[in-house]
Amino acid sequence: MPNNMIGRGLTDREVLHLCLEIEKGRCMSIANTMMETSHEELRNIYQNCFENASSNQYSLYEMMKDKGWYQSLYASKEQIGEVQELMQNNLNPDSESDEL
């Protein structure tokens, strides 16, 4: 992969970032395939693949986080409460929305 710098290879950070993005993509692809699979045995195979890809993704994330290369913002208790309320409202809509 060209990086526009002669004689310079990818850094460890760049390699881990690429690997992390690949694993995220694998997780999404496998999850989508699993949702469309009705054959139980095949679904179990995809489930195992998903668990493996998910584990790899989390390990890569942890490595990058430990090195300070991946920073996540932490939600406040208020933000968590807002999301919980939103999800509850979406999962259990009011009777008013049933009338529409």
C-alpha atoms as a PDB file:
ATOM      1  CA  MET A   1       0.000   0.000   0.000  1.00  0.00           C
ATOM      2  CA  PRO A   2       1.612   3.288  -1.021  1.00  0.00           C
ATOM      3  CA  ASN A   3       1.905   5.827   1.729  1.00  0.00           C
ATOM      4  CA  ASN A   4       3.375   8.734  -0.266  1.00  0.00           C
ATOM      5  CA  MET A   5       6.706   8.577   1.557  1.00  0.00           C
ATOM      6  CA  ILE A   6       9.637   6.948  -0.206  1.00  0.00           C
ATOM      7  CA  GLY A   7      11.370   4.275   1.874  1.00  0.00           C
ATOM      8  CA  ARG A   8       8.865   4.445   4.688  1.00  0.00           C
ATOM      9  CA  GLY A   9       6.826   1.424   5.628  1.00  0.00           C
ATOM     10  CA  LEU A  10       3.666   1.374   7.656  1.00  0.00           C
ATOM     11  CA  THR A  11       4.016   2.203  11.331  1.00  0.00           C
ATOM     12  CA  ASP A  12       2.787  -0.162  14.024  1.00  0.00           C
ATOM     13  CA  ARG A  13      -0.087   2.230  14.641  1.00  0.00           C
ATOM     14  CA  GLU A  14      -1.100   2.176  10.972  1.00  0.00           C
ATOM     15  CA  VAL A  15      -0.915  -1.624  10.815  1.00  0.00           C
ATOM     16  CA  LEU A  16      -3.051  -2.019  13.940  1.00  0.00           C
ATOM     17  CA  HIS A  17      -5.540   0.532  12.647  1.00  0.00           C
ATOM     18  CA  LEU A  18      -5.876  -1.334   9.346  1.00  0.00           C
ATOM     19  CA  CYS A  19      -6.287  -4.661  11.163  1.00  0.00           C
ATOM     20  CA  LEU A  20      -8.922  -3.134  13.444  1.00  0.00           C
ATOM     21  CA  GLU A  21     -10.883  -1.807  10.467  1.00  0.00           C
ATOM     22  CA  ILE A  22     -10.696  -5.206   8.747  1.00  0.00           C
ATOM     23  CA  GLU A  23     -12.038  -6.971  11.859  1.00  0.00           C
ATOM     24  CA  LYS A  24     -14.847  -4.432  12.220  1.00  0.00           C
ATOM     25  CA  GLY A  25     -15.787  -5.083   8.611  1.00  0.00           C
ATOM     26  CA  ARG A  26     -15.675  -8.840   9.158  1.00  0.00           C
ATOM     27  CA  CYS A  27     -17.968  -8.511  12.181  1.00  0.00           C
ATOM     28  CA  MET A  28     -20.516  -6.489  10.205  1.00  0.00           C
ATOM     29  CA  SER A  29     -20.363  -8.820   7.211  1.00  0.00           C
ATOM     30  CA  ILE A  30     -20.722 -11.978   9.294  1.00  0.00           C
ATOM     31  CA  ALA A  31     -23.563 -10.466  11.343  1.00  0.00           C
ATOM     32  CA  ASN A  32     -25.453  -9.542   8.166  1.00  0.00           C
ATOM     33  CA  THR A  33     -24.924 -13.024   6.741  1.00  0.00           C
ATOM     34  CA  MET A  34     -26.035 -14.657   9.998  1.00  0.00           C
ATOM     35  CA  MET A  35     -29.287 -12.696   9.964  1.00  0.00           C
ATOM     36  CA  GLU A  36     -30.071 -14.093   6.518  1.00  0.00           C
ATOM     37  CA  THR A  37     -29.126 -17.702   7.320  1.00  0.00           C
ATOM     38  CA  SER A  38     -31.933 -20.079   8.231  1.00  0.00           C
ATOM     39  CA  HIS A  39     -29.927 -23.331   8.234  1.00  0.00           C
ATOM     40  CA  GLU A  40     -29.136 -23.977  11.915  1.00  0.00           C
ATOM     41  CA  GLU A  41     -25.788 -25.707  11.393  1.00  0.00           C
ATOM     42  CA  LEU A  42     -24.562 -23.015   9.005  1.00  0.00           C
ATOM     43  CA  ARG A  43     -25.816 -20.324  11.371  1.00  0.00           C
ATOM     44  CA  ASN A  44     -23.764 -21.901  14.185  1.00  0.00           C
ATOM     45  CA  ILE A  45     -20.670 -21.790  11.975  1.00  0.00           C
ATOM     46  CA  TYR A  46     -21.249 -18.095  11.296  1.00  0.00           C
ATOM     47  CA  GLN A  47     -21.851 -17.519  15.007  1.00  0.00           C
ATOM     48  CA  ASN A  48     -18.439 -19.027  15.804  1.00  0.00           C
ATOM     49  CA  CYS A  49     -16.838 -16.903  13.081  1.00  0.00           C
ATOM     50  CA  PHE A  50     -18.507 -13.803  14.504  1.00  0.00           C
ATOM     51  CA  GLU A  51     -17.300 -14.564  18.026  1.00  0.00           C
ATOM     52  CA  ASN A  52     -13.758 -15.022  16.714  1.00  0.00           C
ATOM     53  CA  ALA A  53     -13.813 -11.790  14.684  1.00  0.00           C
ATOM     54  CA  SER A  54     -15.387  -9.900  17.587  1.00  0.00           C
ATOM     55  CA  SER A  55     -12.723 -11.182  19.971  1.00  0.00           C
ATOM     56  CA  ASN A  56      -9.975 -10.179  17.520  1.00  0.00           C
ATOM     57  CA  GLN A  57     -11.509  -6.738  17.082  1.00  0.00           C
ATOM     58  CA  TYR A  58     -11.663  -6.165  20.829  1.00  0.00           C
ATOM     59  CA  SER A  59      -8.056  -7.347  21.319  1.00  0.00           C
ATOM     60  CA  LEU A  60      -6.855  -4.932  18.642  1.00  0.00           C
ATOM     61  CA  TYR A  61      -8.911  -2.130  20.177  1.00  0.00           C
ATOM     62  CA  GLU A  62      -7.424  -2.843  23.619  1.00  0.00           C
ATOM     63  CA  MET A  63      -3.867  -2.839  22.214  1.00  0.00           C
ATOM     64  CA  MET A  64      -4.427   0.495  20.517  1.00  0.00           C
ATOM     65  CA  LYS A  65      -6.142   1.978  23.574  1.00  0.00           C
ATOM     66  CA  ASP A  66      -3.287   0.861  25.857  1.00  0.00           C
ATOM     67  CA  LYS A  67      -0.775   2.567  23.566  1.00  0.00           C
ATOM     68  CA  GLY A  68      -2.867   5.742  23.443  1.00  0.00           C
ATOM     69  CA  TRP A  69      -3.596   5.268  19.742  1.00  0.00           C
ATOM     70  CA  TYR A  70      -7.372   4.891  20.090  1.00  0.00           C
ATOM     71  CA  GLN A  71      -9.190   7.244  22.363  1.00  0.00           C
ATOM     72  CA  SER A  72     -12.807   6.709  23.285  1.00  0.00           C
ATOM     73  CA  LEU A  73     -14.996   9.311  24.868  1.00  0.00           C
ATOM     74  CA  TYR A  74     -16.746   8.165  28.005  1.00  0.00           C
ATOM     75  CA  ALA A  75     -20.401   8.972  28.410  1.00  0.00           C
ATOM     76  CA  SER A  76     -21.631  10.765  31.500  1.00  0.00           C
ATOM     77  CA  LYS A  77     -24.357   9.256  33.668  1.00  0.00           C
ATOM     78  CA  GLU A  78     -26.739  11.818  32.203  1.00  0.00           C
ATOM     79  CA  GLN A  79     -25.889  10.795  28.627  1.00  0.00           C
ATOM     80  CA  ILE A  80     -26.325   7.119  29.482  1.00  0.00           C
ATOM     81  CA  GLY A  81     -29.696   7.921  31.071  1.00  0.00           C
ATOM     82  CA  GLU A  82     -30.781   9.824  27.954  1.00  0.00           C
ATOM     83  CA  VAL A  83     -29.900   6.884  25.697  1.00  0.00           C
ATOM     84  CA  GLN A  84     -31.625   4.420  28.024  1.00  0.00           C
ATOM     85  CA  GLU A  85     -34.760   6.562  28.002  1.00  0.00           C
ATOM     86  CA  LEU A  86     -34.665   6.892  24.224  1.00  0.00           C
ATOM     87  CA  MET A  87     -34.264   3.128  23.807  1.00  0.00           C
ATOM     88  CA  GLN A  88     -37.110   2.432  26.234  1.00  0.00           C
ATOM     89  CA  ASN A  89     -39.346   4.854  24.354  1.00  0.00           C
ATOM     90  CA  ASN A  90     -38.469   3.167  21.064  1.00  0.00           C
ATOM     91  CA  LEU A  91     -39.026  -0.330  22.444  1.00  0.00           C
ATOM     92  CA  ASN A  92     -42.223   0.562  24.343  1.00  0.00           C
ATOM     93  CA  PRO A  93     -43.865   3.458  22.501  1.00  0.00           C
ATOM     94  CA  ASP A  94     -46.649   5.410  24.166  1.00  0.00           C
ATOM     95  CA  SER A  95     -50.261   4.571  23.443  1.00  0.00           C
ATOM     96  CA  GLU A  96     -50.468   7.952  21.670  1.00  0.00           C
ATOM     97  CA  SER A  97     -48.262   6.718  18.848  1.00  0.00           C
ATOM     98  CA  ASP A  98     -50.556   3.677  18.433  1.00  0.00           C
ATOM     99  CA  GLU A  99     -53.416   6.025  17.576  1.00  0.00           C
ATOM    100  CA  LEU A 100     -51.596   7.420  14.529  1.00  0.00           C
END
